[in-house]
Amino acid sequence: MSRTLLLLFLLAMSTSSWAKSPRRAMILVFDQMRAEYIERFELPNFRRAQAMGVTFDNGFVGHLEANTIISHPVVTTGKLPRNLPWSAQIMHDIHGWLGEKGEFYVPSDLRTDQWLRLFRMTAGDSSLVARVVEEHPGPSFAVAQKKYSAYCFGGPYADTIIALGPAIKDGEYRGRHSISGENVPPYIASPLGNRFYLEATNRWGSEKEGYGLTGSGYVTGTDPERPGGDAWVGDAVEQIMEQEPEWAVILASFGAIDKVSHVLAEHDGPSEAVWAKTHGIGLEDTLRKADRELGRLLDRLEQNGLLAETALVITADHGGQYSRQFHGRRVPGEHEDDGNYGKGSGFDYTQNVNPNMVPLVSSGKLLAASVDTMASFWTLPMSSSERKNFVLLLSQLPGVCEVYEKKPDGNYGRLFRSPELKGRELAWAQLHNDDLVDSMGGAAGPNYVTPFFDNHGYAIIGGHGGAQELGQRIPMIVISPNLTKTGAHSEAWVRLVDINPMVGRLLNLRPHPGLDGTDSAILPFLDRGAR
């Protein structure tokens, strides 16, 4: 074959492959969904999605803390928490980005302008939204019940952000959720009181729980004209797909599994909460409704011929666990005091300290802490003897299985591992914990990090955030027209930070040098011409 014919042949092969490459990206996050739920509850649409693409059986969060407000920006920016504004539920602003240097903040309580400014400063053009739209122009959207999920997902890059807002206080629609966000389209916001304005006050009998339900944002509710829960997100996404045929990116976060799991902690089996049974609220029902929403969106993609144009990722921001060894106080309203310590901009968690934390507070060296199924601690400088005593106190904190101390290079060194850490828990810790803890390092990261044993927690009975396998393993399903196999399974370890580069590879985007993730796991399944 002549050189000219060879070049024409290779060009034809490449063009054929590129023609199959998608031009849109859709990421669906099911908040606090464990990977094993798909088989345990026989969820038909998650199984259907697996048959349509590649399932990474070792999909996991891959960073700490494993929380909603941390994982969502990790997915879209492709950066680990150590390279983002915060790595925990407490933020130490050592740069003075938001005010005085060294001030502490609660990231979920930041103002909208603060969220957007921080992401613009730290993520830059690594955003998957920005990368996709640069090469495949079109409108981009982020949707979630939780306002901070939507903003941390879309950042300053999505054209439209849609979330539930606070209850309307006056008028005909008093007591219904408002709609919040950025550039909310009229087909969602209008007319006032339409199906997206959910009931916002019903407590469902959960008032005595340490962390209860309010309104229909995360449960179906009693109004058939305005179904809540994950149907609210699914309806919003369907409206976007119908009204915006040239959409380029849709990021959707379904929050019902997370909320119900926090309240009832049914990870290992049904609870005995009478109020929940009375109203038909529970994990299995919530999972089946989430599965229904996934099926609805898969149907829409198929019916509109969009599967040939879309790289679709189905995952979770973290798993979760029943903290049967609960070291918090199951008193309504005290979960925030059990989950935090310190004083900063707009918060003070120093007045009602969890009793287990008193020895650390009494040392006089503790500045702030974030505590759930792991703990992060910021401290004052200490002498060698003070450090030794503080580490001893950390090792004695109920639930702690390891203690890590930040080193001068921003990474962490392990100073303690409990002899009680054994079996599968030990094997998981040996394989992952060093890297997981290092993911939250850097100059602003906590001085000490303490992973907990399985099923130990403080803030909420149905908790997450830590290094445990229960909270780290998540579904990771990738569907794209340029994958060479469907229904395939991979044993590669894939983290949330890998989604950005993997989707970039699937869409043939220009490689970005500032990403912390890798696309290596998707390469064996990618059409050769698209590599």
Protein backbone atom coordinates (compact mmCIF):
# COMPACT_ATOMS: atom_id res chain seq x y z
CA MET A 1 0.00 0.00 0.00
CA SER A 2 1.40 3.39 -0.99
CA ARG A 3 2.06 6.03 1.64
CA THR A 4 -0.78 8.17 0.22
CA LEU A 5 -3.30 5.31 0.41
CA LEU A 6 -2.10 4.45 3.91
CA LEU A 7 -2.61 8.03 5.08
CA LEU A 8 -6.08 8.11 3.52
CA PHE A 9 -6.93 4.81 5.22
CA LEU A 10 -5.76 6.05 8.62
CA LEU A 11 -7.63 9.31 8.14
CA ALA A 12 -10.82 7.42 7.31
CA MET A 13 -10.41 5.21 10.37
CA SER A 14 -9.80 8.23 12.62
CA THR A 15 -12.73 10.14 11.17
CA SER A 16 -14.98 7.13 11.72
CA SER A 17 -13.92 6.94 15.36
CA TRP A 18 -14.23 10.64 15.95
CA ALA A 19 -17.71 10.63 14.44
CA LYS A 20 -18.75 8.24 17.21
CA SER A 21 -17.27 10.40 19.94
CA PRO A 22 -19.87 12.25 22.02
CA ARG A 23 -20.28 16.00 22.16
CA ARG A 24 -22.27 16.20 25.41
CA ALA A 25 -21.56 15.23 29.02
CA MET A 26 -24.04 14.18 31.68
CA ILE A 27 -23.06 13.28 35.24
CA LEU A 28 -25.67 11.85 37.61
CA VAL A 29 -24.71 11.71 41.29
CA PHE A 30 -26.86 9.71 43.72
CA ASP A 31 -25.93 11.14 47.08
CA GLN A 32 -24.81 8.51 49.67
CA MET A 33 -25.50 5.51 47.45
CA ARG A 34 -23.33 2.48 48.19
CA ALA A 35 -22.26 0.36 45.22
CA GLU A 36 -23.64 -2.83 46.73
CA TYR A 37 -27.20 -1.44 46.79
CA ILE A 38 -27.57 -2.18 43.07
CA GLU A 39 -27.44 -5.94 43.63
CA ARG A 40 -28.84 -6.07 47.14
CA PHE A 41 -32.03 -4.24 46.17
CA GLU A 42 -32.09 -5.51 42.57
CA LEU A 43 -32.42 -2.03 41.09
CA PRO A 44 -33.45 -2.60 37.45
CA ASN A 45 -32.37 0.69 35.92
CA PHE A 46 -28.97 0.73 37.56
CA ARG A 47 -28.53 -2.80 36.20
CA ARG A 48 -29.74 -1.58 32.82
CA ALA A 49 -27.13 1.18 32.92
CA GLN A 50 -24.44 -1.39 33.72
CA ALA A 51 -25.48 -3.38 30.64
CA MET A 52 -25.17 -0.23 28.52
CA GLY A 53 -21.62 0.68 29.51
CA VAL A 54 -18.64 -0.14 31.68
CA THR A 55 -18.92 -0.69 35.42
CA PHE A 56 -15.85 -0.05 37.55
CA ASP A 57 -16.34 -2.52 40.39
CA ASN A 58 -13.65 -0.76 42.41
CA GLY A 59 -15.14 2.68 42.07
CA PHE A 60 -14.51 4.67 45.24
CA VAL A 61 -14.51 8.22 46.51
CA GLY A 62 -10.72 8.36 46.64
CA HIS A 63 -10.34 11.38 48.92
CA LEU A 64 -11.16 12.81 52.33
CA GLU A 65 -13.34 14.07 53.67
CA ALA A 66 -15.93 12.01 51.78
CA ASN A 67 -18.69 14.61 51.95
CA THR A 68 -21.16 16.22 49.58
CA ILE A 69 -19.63 19.68 49.67
CA ILE A 70 -16.20 18.28 48.92
CA SER A 71 -16.95 15.53 46.40
CA HIS A 72 -19.07 17.58 44.01
CA PRO A 73 -16.30 20.06 43.15
CA VAL A 74 -13.77 17.21 42.98
CA VAL A 75 -15.88 15.59 40.24
CA THR A 76 -16.06 18.64 38.02
CA THR A 77 -12.69 20.30 38.69
CA GLY A 78 -10.60 17.12 38.55
CA LYS A 79 -8.68 18.36 41.58
CA LEU A 80 -8.18 16.69 44.96
CA PRO A 81 -9.41 18.50 48.07
CA ARG A 82 -5.88 19.59 48.95
CA ASN A 83 -5.96 21.77 45.82
CA LEU A 84 -9.45 23.18 46.44
CA PRO A 85 -10.64 25.84 48.91
CA TRP A 86 -11.55 23.27 51.57
CA SER A 87 -10.97 19.60 52.33
CA ALA A 88 -13.36 19.23 55.27
CA GLN A 89 -16.63 20.52 56.67
CA ILE A 90 -14.51 23.26 58.27
CA MET A 91 -12.44 25.60 56.09
CA HIS A 92 -9.26 27.30 57.30
CA ASP A 93 -8.75 30.43 55.21
CA ILE A 94 -5.00 30.82 55.60
CA HIS A 95 -4.79 33.06 52.52
CA GLY A 96 -7.42 35.57 53.59
CA TRP A 97 -9.54 34.89 50.49
CA LEU A 98 -12.76 35.69 52.33
CA GLY A 99 -11.57 38.02 55.06
CA GLU A 100 -8.92 37.98 57.76
CA LYS A 101 -6.12 35.44 57.29
CA GLY A 102 -6.50 32.38 59.47
CA GLU A 103 -10.28 32.69 59.91
CA PHE A 104 -12.38 29.52 59.98
CA TYR A 105 -15.58 29.04 57.95
CA VAL A 106 -18.28 26.41 57.47
CA PRO A 107 -18.26 25.93 53.67
CA SER A 108 -21.92 24.87 53.43
CA ASP A 109 -22.90 28.20 55.02
CA LEU A 110 -20.95 30.43 52.65
CA ARG A 111 -22.75 33.00 50.54
CA THR A 112 -23.25 32.29 46.85
CA ASP A 113 -20.74 34.92 45.79
CA GLN A 114 -18.15 33.40 48.15
CA TRP A 115 -18.59 29.91 46.67
CA LEU A 116 -18.26 31.16 43.13
CA ARG A 117 -15.27 33.36 43.88
CA LEU A 118 -13.37 30.56 45.63
CA PHE A 119 -13.90 28.10 42.78
CA ARG A 120 -12.97 30.67 40.18
CA MET A 121 -9.73 31.36 42.04
CA THR A 122 -8.72 27.74 42.72
CA ALA A 123 -10.20 25.60 39.94
CA GLY A 124 -9.53 27.90 37.03
CA ASP A 125 -10.15 26.39 33.60
CA SER A 126 -9.84 22.79 34.83
CA SER A 127 -13.63 22.70 35.23
CA LEU A 128 -15.16 19.94 33.14
CA VAL A 129 -17.98 22.31 32.23
CA ALA A 130 -15.53 24.86 30.88
CA ARG A 131 -13.54 22.18 29.05
CA VAL A 132 -16.59 20.70 27.34
CA VAL A 133 -18.15 24.00 26.34
CA GLU A 134 -14.87 25.30 24.95
CA GLU A 135 -14.90 22.59 22.26
CA HIS A 136 -18.60 21.75 22.10
CA PRO A 137 -20.50 25.02 22.75
CA GLY A 138 -23.94 24.78 24.30
CA PRO A 139 -25.78 25.63 27.50
CA SER A 140 -24.70 23.94 30.73
CA PHE A 141 -26.74 23.13 33.84
CA ALA A 142 -26.34 21.99 37.45
CA VAL A 143 -29.40 20.72 39.36
CA ALA A 144 -29.76 19.50 42.96
CA GLN A 145 -32.18 19.74 45.86
CA LYS A 146 -29.35 20.96 48.09
CA LYS A 147 -28.24 24.46 47.23
CA TYR A 148 -24.60 23.80 48.11
CA SER A 149 -24.60 20.61 46.01
CA ALA A 150 -25.79 22.54 42.97
CA TYR A 151 -23.33 25.40 43.42
CA CYS A 152 -20.38 23.16 44.22
CA PHE A 153 -21.24 21.05 41.18
CA GLY A 154 -21.77 23.86 38.68
CA GLY A 155 -19.42 26.40 40.23
CA PRO A 156 -19.04 29.63 38.30
CA TYR A 157 -18.92 27.69 35.02
CA ALA A 158 -22.45 26.34 34.54
CA ASP A 159 -24.79 28.75 32.76
CA THR A 160 -27.70 27.73 34.97
CA ILE A 161 -27.86 26.44 38.55
CA ILE A 162 -31.17 25.18 39.94
CA ALA A 163 -31.84 24.21 43.58
CA LEU A 164 -34.52 24.33 46.23
CA GLY A 165 -34.66 27.58 48.14
CA PRO A 166 -36.03 28.49 51.58
CA ALA A 167 -39.74 28.39 52.37
CA ILE A 168 -41.84 31.25 51.02
CA LYS A 169 -42.97 33.32 54.01
CA ASP A 170 -45.97 35.23 52.69
CA GLY A 171 -48.78 35.06 50.19
CA GLU A 172 -50.69 32.29 48.48
CA TYR A 173 -47.70 29.95 48.37
CA ARG A 174 -46.54 30.48 51.94
CA GLY A 175 -44.87 27.36 53.29
CA ARG A 176 -43.62 26.10 49.96
CA HIS A 177 -39.99 25.92 48.91
CA SER A 178 -38.87 28.75 46.72
CA ILE A 179 -36.52 27.99 43.82
CA SER A 180 -32.98 29.25 44.08
CA GLY A 181 -29.97 29.30 41.79
CA GLU A 182 -28.42 31.27 38.98
CA ASN A 183 -30.21 32.12 35.73
CA VAL A 184 -33.10 29.81 36.60
CA PRO A 185 -35.10 29.42 33.36
CA PRO A 186 -38.76 30.49 33.22
CA TYR A 187 -39.91 26.96 32.39
CA ILE A 188 -38.72 25.98 35.90
CA ALA A 189 -39.50 29.13 37.88
CA SER A 190 -42.81 30.16 36.28
CA PRO A 191 -45.58 30.36 37.02
CA LEU A 192 -45.11 30.91 40.73
CA GLY A 193 -46.43 27.86 42.59
CA ASN A 194 -45.89 25.37 39.75
CA ARG A 195 -44.83 21.76 40.33
CA PHE A 196 -41.28 22.79 41.33
CA TYR A 197 -42.52 24.71 44.40
CA LEU A 198 -42.60 21.91 46.96
CA GLU A 199 -44.19 21.80 50.41
CA ALA A 200 -41.52 22.92 52.89
CA THR A 201 -42.77 22.49 56.47
CA ASN A 202 -44.06 18.94 57.16
CA ARG A 203 -41.88 17.17 59.72
CA TRP A 204 -43.43 13.71 59.12
CA GLY A 205 -43.18 12.90 62.84
CA SER A 206 -39.38 13.02 62.76
CA GLU A 207 -39.09 15.88 65.28
CA LYS A 208 -37.53 13.68 67.97
CA GLU A 209 -34.77 12.39 65.70
CA GLY A 210 -31.30 13.81 66.11
CA TYR A 211 -31.53 14.93 62.51
CA GLY A 212 -35.06 15.01 61.11
CA LEU A 213 -36.92 15.65 57.88
CA THR A 214 -38.59 18.90 56.88
CA GLY A 215 -40.81 19.29 53.85
CA SER A 216 -40.94 17.31 50.60
CA GLY A 217 -37.53 18.10 49.21
CA TYR A 218 -36.25 14.60 49.92
CA VAL A 219 -39.46 12.55 50.20
CA THR A 220 -42.33 12.23 47.75
CA GLY A 221 -44.84 14.11 49.90
CA THR A 222 -48.63 14.09 49.73
CA ASP A 223 -49.26 16.45 46.81
CA PRO A 224 -49.49 14.39 43.58
CA GLU A 225 -49.24 17.60 41.54
CA ARG A 226 -45.89 18.47 43.14
CA PRO A 227 -43.97 15.27 43.86
CA GLY A 228 -40.85 15.81 45.91
CA GLY A 229 -37.78 13.73 46.54
CA ASP A 230 -35.62 12.75 43.59
CA ALA A 231 -38.56 13.17 41.21
CA TRP A 232 -38.03 16.93 41.61
CA VAL A 233 -34.51 16.60 40.18
CA GLY A 234 -35.62 14.19 37.45
CA ASP A 235 -38.41 16.52 36.37
CA ALA A 236 -36.02 19.48 36.22
CA VAL A 237 -33.54 17.54 34.07
CA GLU A 238 -36.32 16.37 31.74
CA GLN A 239 -37.50 19.95 31.32
CA ILE A 240 -33.97 21.04 30.48
CA MET A 241 -33.59 18.29 27.88
CA GLU A 242 -36.95 19.19 26.34
CA GLN A 243 -36.48 22.96 26.34
CA GLU A 244 -32.74 23.12 25.58
CA PRO A 245 -32.06 20.69 22.71
CA GLU A 246 -28.50 21.98 22.27
CA TRP A 247 -27.45 21.42 25.90
CA ALA A 248 -23.77 20.58 26.30
CA VAL A 249 -23.47 19.62 29.99
CA ILE A 250 -25.99 18.47 32.58
CA LEU A 251 -24.85 17.84 36.15
CA ALA A 252 -27.60 16.42 38.37
CA SER A 253 -27.34 15.45 42.04
CA PHE A 254 -30.13 13.37 43.60
CA GLY A 255 -30.20 14.00 47.35
CA ALA A 256 -32.98 11.78 48.74
CA ILE A 257 -30.91 8.67 49.54
CA ASP A 258 -28.52 10.79 51.57
CA LYS A 259 -31.20 12.55 53.59
CA VAL A 260 -33.19 9.42 54.41
CA SER A 261 -29.97 7.55 55.26
CA HIS A 262 -28.86 10.29 57.64
CA VAL A 263 -32.17 10.21 59.48
CA LEU A 264 -32.93 6.47 59.59
CA ALA A 265 -29.50 4.81 59.15
CA GLU A 266 -31.02 1.86 57.31
CA HIS A 267 -27.78 0.88 55.60
CA ASP A 268 -27.86 -2.61 57.10
CA GLY A 269 -31.61 -3.12 57.51
CA PRO A 270 -34.94 -1.36 58.19
CA SER A 271 -35.31 0.83 61.26
CA GLU A 272 -38.16 0.55 63.75
CA ALA A 273 -39.12 4.22 63.53
CA VAL A 274 -42.92 4.24 63.71
CA TRP A 275 -43.25 7.67 62.09
CA ALA A 276 -41.24 6.50 59.05
CA LYS A 277 -43.34 3.35 58.64
CA THR A 278 -46.53 5.39 58.95
CA HIS A 279 -45.51 7.62 56.05
CA GLY A 280 -43.83 4.91 53.96
CA ILE A 281 -40.41 6.55 54.29
CA GLY A 282 -37.38 4.29 54.15
CA LEU A 283 -34.17 3.49 52.32
CA GLU A 284 -35.54 0.77 50.05
CA ASP A 285 -38.45 2.90 48.88
CA THR A 286 -36.11 5.86 48.34
CA LEU A 287 -33.69 3.71 46.32
CA ARG A 288 -36.47 2.42 44.12
CA LYS A 289 -37.64 5.97 43.43
CA ALA A 290 -34.08 7.03 42.61
CA ASP A 291 -33.81 4.04 40.28
CA ARG A 292 -37.05 5.14 38.60
CA GLU A 293 -35.58 8.59 37.95
CA LEU A 294 -32.48 7.05 36.42
CA GLY A 295 -34.67 4.92 34.17
CA ARG A 296 -36.66 7.96 33.10
CA LEU A 297 -33.51 9.80 32.03
CA LEU A 298 -32.13 6.76 30.22
CA ASP A 299 -35.46 6.51 28.36
CA ARG A 300 -35.29 10.18 27.42
CA LEU A 301 -31.72 9.85 26.12
CA GLU A 302 -32.71 6.82 24.06
CA GLN A 303 -35.92 8.32 22.68
CA ASN A 304 -34.19 11.54 21.65
CA GLY A 305 -31.28 9.74 20.03
CA LEU A 306 -28.88 11.35 22.51
CA LEU A 307 -27.03 8.22 23.61
CA ALA A 308 -24.98 8.52 20.43
CA GLU A 309 -23.92 12.02 21.49
CA THR A 310 -23.48 11.75 25.25
CA ALA A 311 -20.82 10.58 27.68
CA LEU A 312 -22.82 9.61 30.77
CA VAL A 313 -21.37 8.91 34.22
CA ILE A 314 -23.52 7.47 37.01
CA THR A 315 -21.95 7.58 40.44
CA ALA A 316 -22.27 8.84 44.05
CA ASP A 317 -20.45 11.48 46.04
CA HIS A 318 -19.85 9.05 48.93
CA GLY A 319 -21.28 5.96 50.58
CA GLY A 320 -22.43 5.76 54.16
CA GLN A 321 -22.81 3.64 57.26
CA TYR A 322 -24.99 2.98 60.26
CA SER A 323 -22.91 4.28 63.15
CA ARG A 324 -24.12 1.67 65.60
CA GLN A 325 -21.25 2.71 67.87
CA PHE A 326 -22.54 6.26 68.07
CA HIS A 327 -20.52 8.74 70.12
CA GLY A 328 -22.78 11.71 69.52
CA ARG A 329 -25.90 12.80 71.34
CA ARG A 330 -29.18 11.79 69.73
CA VAL A 331 -30.81 15.04 70.71
CA PRO A 332 -32.55 17.21 68.08
CA GLY A 333 -30.28 20.03 67.00
CA GLU A 334 -27.10 18.79 68.67
CA HIS A 335 -25.68 17.00 65.65
CA GLU A 336 -23.92 20.22 64.60
CA ASP A 337 -22.22 20.53 68.00
CA ASP A 338 -21.20 16.86 67.84
CA GLY A 339 -19.88 17.28 64.32
CA ASN A 340 -17.86 20.46 64.79
CA TYR A 341 -15.67 22.36 67.20
CA GLY A 342 -14.30 25.87 67.01
CA LYS A 343 -15.27 29.48 66.44
CA GLY A 344 -15.15 31.39 63.19
CA SER A 345 -17.04 33.54 60.74
CA GLY A 346 -20.72 33.06 61.47
CA PHE A 347 -20.37 30.07 63.80
CA ASP A 348 -19.44 29.17 67.35
CA TYR A 349 -19.27 25.49 68.33
CA THR A 350 -17.43 26.01 71.60
CA GLN A 351 -20.42 26.26 73.95
CA ASN A 352 -21.90 22.76 73.79
CA VAL A 353 -18.90 20.50 73.26
CA ASN A 354 -19.34 16.76 72.80
CA PRO A 355 -18.20 15.19 76.12
CA ASN A 356 -15.72 12.95 74.31
CA MET A 357 -13.96 16.03 72.95
CA VAL A 358 -13.46 17.72 76.33
CA PRO A 359 -9.93 16.35 76.96
CA LEU A 360 -8.78 17.72 73.59
CA VAL A 361 -10.39 21.08 74.25
CA SER A 362 -8.87 21.17 77.74
CA SER A 363 -5.39 20.78 76.28
CA GLY A 364 -5.70 24.39 75.13
CA LYS A 365 -4.25 23.49 71.74
CA LEU A 366 -7.36 22.73 69.71
CA LEU A 367 -8.54 25.47 67.35
CA ALA A 368 -11.17 23.66 65.28
CA ALA A 369 -12.42 20.19 64.39
CA SER A 370 -14.68 18.48 61.87
CA VAL A 371 -16.07 15.16 63.12
CA ASP A 372 -18.32 12.51 61.56
CA THR A 373 -17.04 9.02 60.68
CA MET A 374 -13.50 10.45 60.89
CA ALA A 375 -12.13 13.59 62.48
CA SER A 376 -9.95 16.47 61.30
CA PHE A 377 -8.20 18.77 63.78
CA TRP A 378 -6.56 22.19 63.44
CA THR A 379 -4.26 23.10 66.32
CA LEU A 380 -1.99 25.77 67.70
CA PRO A 381 1.78 25.19 67.40
CA MET A 382 3.03 22.73 70.04
CA SER A 383 6.28 21.67 71.65
CA SER A 384 7.46 18.09 71.28
CA SER A 385 5.99 17.05 74.63
CA GLU A 386 2.69 18.82 73.89
CA ARG A 387 2.47 17.07 70.55
CA LYS A 388 3.09 13.72 72.17
CA ASN A 389 0.33 14.34 74.71
CA PHE A 390 -2.09 15.57 72.05
CA VAL A 391 -1.50 12.49 69.89
CA LEU A 392 -2.14 10.30 72.95
CA LEU A 393 -5.44 12.09 73.54
CA LEU A 394 -6.38 11.60 69.88
CA SER A 395 -5.61 7.88 70.07
CA GLN A 396 -7.92 7.62 73.09
CA LEU A 397 -10.84 9.36 71.40
CA PRO A 398 -13.66 6.79 71.07
CA GLY A 399 -13.77 5.30 67.57
CA VAL A 400 -10.24 6.26 66.49
CA CYS A 401 -8.27 3.52 64.73
CA GLU A 402 -5.37 5.62 63.38
CA VAL A 403 -3.76 9.02 63.96
CA TYR A 404 -2.03 10.99 61.19
CA GLU A 405 0.02 14.18 61.64
CA LYS A 406 0.70 16.70 58.90
CA LYS A 407 4.36 16.97 57.91
CA PRO A 408 6.16 20.10 56.63
CA ASP A 409 5.61 19.03 53.00
CA GLY A 410 1.83 19.04 53.51
CA ASN A 411 1.48 15.26 53.44
CA TYR A 412 0.78 13.14 56.51
CA GLY A 413 2.63 10.57 58.55
CA ARG A 414 0.88 7.90 60.59
CA LEU A 415 1.75 8.01 64.29
CA PHE A 416 -0.72 5.46 65.63
CA ARG A 417 -2.62 2.39 64.49
CA SER A 418 -4.83 0.52 66.93
CA PRO A 419 -4.04 -3.17 67.44
CA GLU A 420 -7.81 -3.69 67.24
CA LEU A 421 -7.77 -2.78 63.54
CA LYS A 422 -7.93 -6.23 61.97
CA GLY A 423 -9.20 -8.31 59.08
CA ARG A 424 -10.92 -6.59 56.18
CA GLU A 425 -10.81 -3.21 57.92
CA LEU A 426 -7.03 -3.47 58.32
CA ALA A 427 -6.55 -4.62 54.73
CA TRP A 428 -8.56 -1.64 53.45
CA ALA A 429 -6.61 0.78 55.66
CA GLN A 430 -3.27 -0.64 54.53
CA LEU A 431 -4.27 -0.29 50.88
CA HIS A 432 -5.88 3.16 50.96
CA ASN A 433 -5.62 5.24 54.12
CA ASP A 434 -2.23 6.86 53.50
CA ASP A 435 -3.36 8.18 50.11
CA LEU A 436 -6.82 9.12 51.33
CA VAL A 437 -5.44 11.21 54.17
CA ASP A 438 -2.82 12.84 51.91
CA SER A 439 -5.62 13.94 49.56
CA MET A 440 -6.72 16.57 52.10
CA GLY A 441 -3.25 17.89 52.89
CA GLY A 442 -1.64 21.12 51.79
CA ALA A 443 -1.08 24.32 53.70
CA ALA A 444 -4.71 24.78 54.79
CA GLY A 445 -5.37 21.14 55.63
CA PRO A 446 -5.88 19.95 59.21
CA ASN A 447 -2.88 19.31 61.43
CA TYR A 448 -4.20 15.91 62.50
CA VAL A 449 -6.52 13.38 60.87
CA THR A 450 -8.02 10.39 62.69
CA PRO A 451 -9.81 7.68 60.68
CA PHE A 452 -12.41 5.72 62.67
CA PHE A 453 -13.31 2.06 62.84
CA ASP A 454 -16.25 0.86 60.76
CA ASN A 455 -19.68 1.80 62.15
CA HIS A 456 -18.29 4.42 64.54
CA GLY A 457 -19.44 8.00 64.19
CA TYR A 458 -20.34 11.24 65.95
CA ALA A 459 -22.49 13.75 64.11
CA ILE A 460 -25.38 11.77 62.61
CA ILE A 461 -26.42 8.17 63.18
CA GLY A 462 -26.37 7.57 59.42
CA GLY A 463 -22.95 9.02 58.76
CA HIS A 464 -20.17 9.33 56.20
CA GLY A 465 -17.07 11.37 55.51
CA GLY A 466 -14.38 8.93 56.52
CA ALA A 467 -11.93 6.44 55.08
CA GLN A 468 -14.00 3.32 55.83
CA GLU A 469 -14.81 1.05 52.91
CA LEU A 470 -18.50 1.51 53.77
CA GLY A 471 -18.28 5.21 53.00
CA GLN A 472 -15.74 5.02 50.20
CA ARG A 473 -17.12 2.38 47.80
CA ILE A 474 -19.58 3.91 45.33
CA PRO A 475 -21.14 2.99 41.97
CA MET A 476 -19.10 4.06 38.96
CA ILE A 477 -20.79 3.41 35.61
CA VAL A 478 -19.66 5.00 32.34
CA ILE A 479 -21.77 4.94 29.17
CA SER A 480 -20.48 6.43 25.92
CA PRO A 481 -20.93 5.73 22.20
CA ASN A 482 -17.18 5.30 21.67
CA LEU A 483 -16.72 2.47 24.16
CA THR A 484 -15.86 -0.80 22.47
CA LYS A 485 -17.62 -2.99 25.04
CA THR A 486 -20.96 -2.77 26.81
CA GLY A 487 -21.90 -4.71 29.89
CA ALA A 488 -18.22 -4.86 30.75
CA HIS A 489 -16.74 -4.78 34.24
CA SER A 490 -13.33 -3.48 35.25
CA GLU A 491 -11.41 -4.08 38.46
CA ALA A 492 -9.43 -0.84 38.07
CA TRP A 493 -9.56 1.51 41.04
CA VAL A 494 -11.38 4.64 39.85
CA ARG A 495 -11.84 7.75 41.98
CA LEU A 496 -14.18 10.70 41.67
CA VAL A 497 -11.23 12.88 40.68
CA ASP A 498 -10.78 10.64 37.62
CA ILE A 499 -14.19 11.51 36.14
CA ASN A 500 -13.04 14.82 34.67
CA PRO A 501 -10.12 13.35 32.68
CA MET A 502 -12.10 10.24 31.69
CA VAL A 503 -14.98 12.30 30.28
CA GLY A 504 -12.43 14.58 28.65
CA ARG A 505 -10.89 11.58 26.92
CA LEU A 506 -14.30 10.28 25.80
CA LEU A 507 -15.16 13.68 24.28
CA ASN A 508 -11.71 14.10 22.71
CA LEU A 509 -11.12 17.27 24.69
CA ARG A 510 -7.73 18.88 24.79
CA PRO A 511 -5.77 17.34 27.74
CA HIS A 512 -5.52 19.61 30.77
CA PRO A 513 -2.19 19.60 32.67
CA GLY A 514 -3.70 20.73 35.98
CA LEU A 515 -5.83 17.68 36.74
CA ASP A 516 -5.13 15.39 39.70
CA GLY A 517 -7.07 12.50 38.20
CA THR A 518 -6.24 10.09 35.40
CA ASP A 519 -8.07 8.65 32.39
CA SER A 520 -6.11 5.38 32.41
CA ALA A 521 -9.03 3.20 33.54
CA ILE A 522 -11.17 4.05 30.53
CA LEU A 523 -8.47 3.51 27.89
CA PRO A 524 -8.87 -0.29 27.56
CA PHE A 525 -12.53 0.27 26.64
CA LEU A 526 -12.06 3.20 24.29
CA ASP A 527 -12.26 2.95 20.50
CA ARG A 528 -8.66 2.92 19.25
CA GLY A 529 -9.21 5.83 16.91
CA ALA A 530 -10.41 8.02 19.77
CA ARG A 531 -7.33 7.49 21.91
